[in-house]
Amino acid sequence: MRTFAILLLCISSLAGCSKSGKERPVNCDERMIKKFEDQLSCNGYPGMYTVLMRGAYQGKAVYFVETACIACNTAPPSKGTRCDDTEVTFGSRDHLQQVTVVKGCPN
């Protein structure tokens, strides 16, 4: 009987633990998606869309919005934003490494 009481006490104490009230920390990708969401578009001019990209510049992540349009002759971005909201001028996309899409358009 004593063993049953100890087991019941352990189960009830573990069941009382809850993650409610604790918010999951927002990572930088999520923050930047929210920051730039009004600039992102998948339904503009046919064949034109704007996506959020991330690359490494001088060893740190930088986020930028890139417009892709074959017929528009748009210039690639030369500025971006770091996680701490500082603006960075990287001059050319060629100076970026590990460029990936953070939020793009569905195929």
C-alpha atoms as a PDB file:
ATOM      1  CA  MET A   1       0.000   0.000   0.000  1.00  0.00           C
ATOM      2  CA  ARG A   2       2.844   2.381   0.815  1.00  0.00           C
ATOM      3  CA  THR A   3       4.429   1.747  -2.595  1.00  0.00           C
ATOM      4  CA  PHE A   4       1.103   2.525  -4.267  1.00  0.00           C
ATOM      5  CA  ALA A   5       0.828   5.821  -2.344  1.00  0.00           C
ATOM      6  CA  ILE A   6       4.369   6.862  -3.341  1.00  0.00           C
ATOM      7  CA  LEU A   7       3.679   5.951  -6.963  1.00  0.00           C
ATOM      8  CA  LEU A   8       0.445   7.946  -6.914  1.00  0.00           C
ATOM      9  CA  LEU A   9       2.255  10.936  -5.378  1.00  0.00           C
ATOM     10  CA  CYS A  10       4.964  10.833  -8.064  1.00  0.00           C
ATOM     11  CA  ILE A  11       2.446  10.613 -10.896  1.00  0.00           C
ATOM     12  CA  SER A  12       0.333  13.454  -9.542  1.00  0.00           C
ATOM     13  CA  SER A  13       3.354  15.706  -9.073  1.00  0.00           C
ATOM     14  CA  LEU A  14       4.507  15.068 -12.648  1.00  0.00           C
ATOM     15  CA  ALA A  15       1.008  15.573 -14.023  1.00  0.00           C
ATOM     16  CA  GLY A  16       0.911  18.976 -12.366  1.00  0.00           C
ATOM     17  CA  CYS A  17       3.782  20.217 -14.505  1.00  0.00           C
ATOM     18  CA  SER A  18       2.516  22.230 -17.387  1.00  0.00           C
ATOM     19  CA  LYS A  19       4.137  24.228 -20.133  1.00  0.00           C
ATOM     20  CA  SER A  20       1.207  26.613 -20.343  1.00  0.00           C
ATOM     21  CA  GLY A  21       2.239  30.103 -19.402  1.00  0.00           C
ATOM     22  CA  LYS A  22       5.647  29.633 -20.974  1.00  0.00           C
ATOM     23  CA  GLU A  23       5.907  30.971 -24.466  1.00  0.00           C
ATOM     24  CA  ARG A  24       8.244  29.384 -26.950  1.00  0.00           C
ATOM     25  CA  PRO A  25      11.088  31.767 -27.745  1.00  0.00           C
ATOM     26  CA  VAL A  26      10.813  33.353 -31.162  1.00  0.00           C
ATOM     27  CA  ASN A  27      13.852  32.689 -33.317  1.00  0.00           C
ATOM     28  CA  CYS A  28      15.338  35.206 -35.697  1.00  0.00           C
ATOM     29  CA  ASP A  29      13.761  33.660 -38.821  1.00  0.00           C
ATOM     30  CA  GLU A  30      10.289  34.054 -37.307  1.00  0.00           C
ATOM     31  CA  ARG A  31      11.000  37.656 -36.247  1.00  0.00           C
ATOM     32  CA  MET A  32      12.234  38.587 -39.713  1.00  0.00           C
ATOM     33  CA  ILE A  33       9.238  36.933 -41.410  1.00  0.00           C
ATOM     34  CA  LYS A  34       6.964  39.116 -39.276  1.00  0.00           C
ATOM     35  CA  LYS A  35       9.089  42.202 -39.902  1.00  0.00           C
ATOM     36  CA  PHE A  36       9.090  41.821 -43.693  1.00  0.00           C
ATOM     37  CA  GLU A  37       5.730  40.091 -44.219  1.00  0.00           C
ATOM     38  CA  ASP A  38       4.159  43.152 -45.856  1.00  0.00           C
ATOM     39  CA  GLN A  39       6.922  43.124 -48.510  1.00  0.00           C
ATOM     40  CA  LEU A  40       6.618  39.411 -49.372  1.00  0.00           C
ATOM     41  CA  SER A  41       4.362  38.467 -52.267  1.00  0.00           C
ATOM     42  CA  CYS A  42       3.646  35.386 -54.324  1.00  0.00           C
ATOM     43  CA  ASN A  43       0.818  36.732 -56.432  1.00  0.00           C
ATOM     44  CA  GLY A  44       2.062  39.830 -58.193  1.00  0.00           C
ATOM     45  CA  TYR A  45       2.861  40.232 -61.874  1.00  0.00           C
ATOM     46  CA  PRO A  46       2.962  36.732 -63.501  1.00  0.00           C
ATOM     47  CA  GLY A  47       6.405  35.269 -62.901  1.00  0.00           C
ATOM     48  CA  MET A  48       7.260  37.899 -60.273  1.00  0.00           C
ATOM     49  CA  TYR A  49       7.512  37.227 -56.571  1.00  0.00           C
ATOM     50  CA  THR A  50       9.345  38.580 -53.530  1.00  0.00           C
ATOM     51  CA  VAL A  51      10.819  36.238 -50.943  1.00  0.00           C
ATOM     52  CA  LEU A  52      12.730  36.552 -47.684  1.00  0.00           C
ATOM     53  CA  MET A  53      16.307  35.338 -47.928  1.00  0.00           C
ATOM     54  CA  ARG A  54      19.070  34.777 -45.370  1.00  0.00           C
ATOM     55  CA  GLY A  55      22.780  34.767 -46.027  1.00  0.00           C
ATOM     56  CA  ALA A  56      26.019  35.055 -44.105  1.00  0.00           C
ATOM     57  CA  TYR A  57      27.920  38.323 -44.383  1.00  0.00           C
ATOM     58  CA  GLN A  58      31.150  38.707 -42.422  1.00  0.00           C
ATOM     59  CA  GLY A  59      30.243  35.570 -40.473  1.00  0.00           C
ATOM     60  CA  LYS A  60      26.834  36.782 -39.260  1.00  0.00           C
ATOM     61  CA  ALA A  61      23.326  36.195 -40.587  1.00  0.00           C
ATOM     62  CA  VAL A  62      21.735  38.929 -42.662  1.00  0.00           C
ATOM     63  CA  TYR A  63      18.158  38.922 -43.956  1.00  0.00           C
ATOM     64  CA  PHE A  64      16.934  40.610 -47.123  1.00  0.00           C
ATOM     65  CA  VAL A  65      13.957  40.656 -49.453  1.00  0.00           C
ATOM     66  CA  GLU A  66      14.715  39.599 -52.985  1.00  0.00           C
ATOM     67  CA  THR A  67      12.471  40.187 -55.983  1.00  0.00           C
ATOM     68  CA  ALA A  68      12.528  37.515 -58.628  1.00  0.00           C
ATOM     69  CA  CYS A  69      11.153  38.477 -62.011  1.00  0.00           C
ATOM     70  CA  ILE A  70      12.618  37.301 -65.282  1.00  0.00           C
ATOM     71  CA  ALA A  71      11.024  40.057 -67.364  1.00  0.00           C
ATOM     72  CA  CYS A  72      11.496  42.908 -64.863  1.00  0.00           C
ATOM     73  CA  ASN A  73      15.286  43.348 -64.877  1.00  0.00           C
ATOM     74  CA  THR A  74      15.377  44.085 -61.127  1.00  0.00           C
ATOM     75  CA  ALA A  75      18.635  44.781 -59.343  1.00  0.00           C
ATOM     76  CA  PRO A  76      19.656  42.374 -56.572  1.00  0.00           C
ATOM     77  CA  PRO A  77      19.534  43.773 -53.036  1.00  0.00           C
ATOM     78  CA  SER A  78      22.596  45.484 -51.601  1.00  0.00           C
ATOM     79  CA  LYS A  79      21.337  45.912 -48.015  1.00  0.00           C
ATOM     80  CA  GLY A  80      19.980  43.636 -45.361  1.00  0.00           C
ATOM     81  CA  THR A  81      19.041  43.445 -41.703  1.00  0.00           C
ATOM     82  CA  ARG A  82      20.691  41.501 -38.898  1.00  0.00           C
ATOM     83  CA  CYS A  83      18.812  39.789 -36.046  1.00  0.00           C
ATOM     84  CA  ASP A  84      19.421  42.805 -33.810  1.00  0.00           C
ATOM     85  CA  ASP A  85      17.696  45.032 -36.431  1.00  0.00           C
ATOM     86  CA  THR A  86      20.890  46.766 -37.549  1.00  0.00           C
ATOM     87  CA  GLU A  87      21.004  47.522 -41.251  1.00  0.00           C
ATOM     88  CA  VAL A  88      23.962  46.174 -43.192  1.00  0.00           C
ATOM     89  CA  THR A  89      25.181  47.242 -46.624  1.00  0.00           C
ATOM     90  CA  PHE A  90      26.870  44.292 -48.291  1.00  0.00           C
ATOM     91  CA  GLY A  91      27.180  45.907 -51.706  1.00  0.00           C
ATOM     92  CA  SER A  92      26.557  42.841 -53.821  1.00  0.00           C
ATOM     93  CA  ARG A  93      24.846  39.517 -53.331  1.00  0.00           C
ATOM     94  CA  ASP A  94      28.163  38.003 -54.398  1.00  0.00           C
ATOM     95  CA  HIS A  95      29.569  38.992 -50.977  1.00  0.00           C
ATOM     96  CA  LEU A  96      27.055  36.720 -49.219  1.00  0.00           C
ATOM     97  CA  GLN A  97      27.622  33.087 -48.364  1.00  0.00           C
ATOM     98  CA  GLN A  98      25.169  30.291 -47.558  1.00  0.00           C
ATOM     99  CA  VAL A  99      22.180  32.077 -49.100  1.00  0.00           C
ATOM    100  CA  THR A 100      18.896  30.286 -48.417  1.00  0.00           C
ATOM    101  CA  VAL A 101      15.188  31.052 -48.699  1.00  0.00           C
ATOM    102  CA  VAL A 102      13.551  31.715 -45.322  1.00  0.00           C
ATOM    103  CA  LYS A 103      10.055  32.279 -46.677  1.00  0.00           C
ATOM    104  CA  GLY A 104       9.319  31.669 -50.315  1.00  0.00           C
ATOM    105  CA  CYS A 105       6.387  30.893 -52.533  1.00  0.00           C
ATOM    106  CA  PRO A 106       4.821  27.435 -52.818  1.00  0.00           C
ATOM    107  CA  ASN A 107       5.468  25.695 -56.099  1.00  0.00           C
END
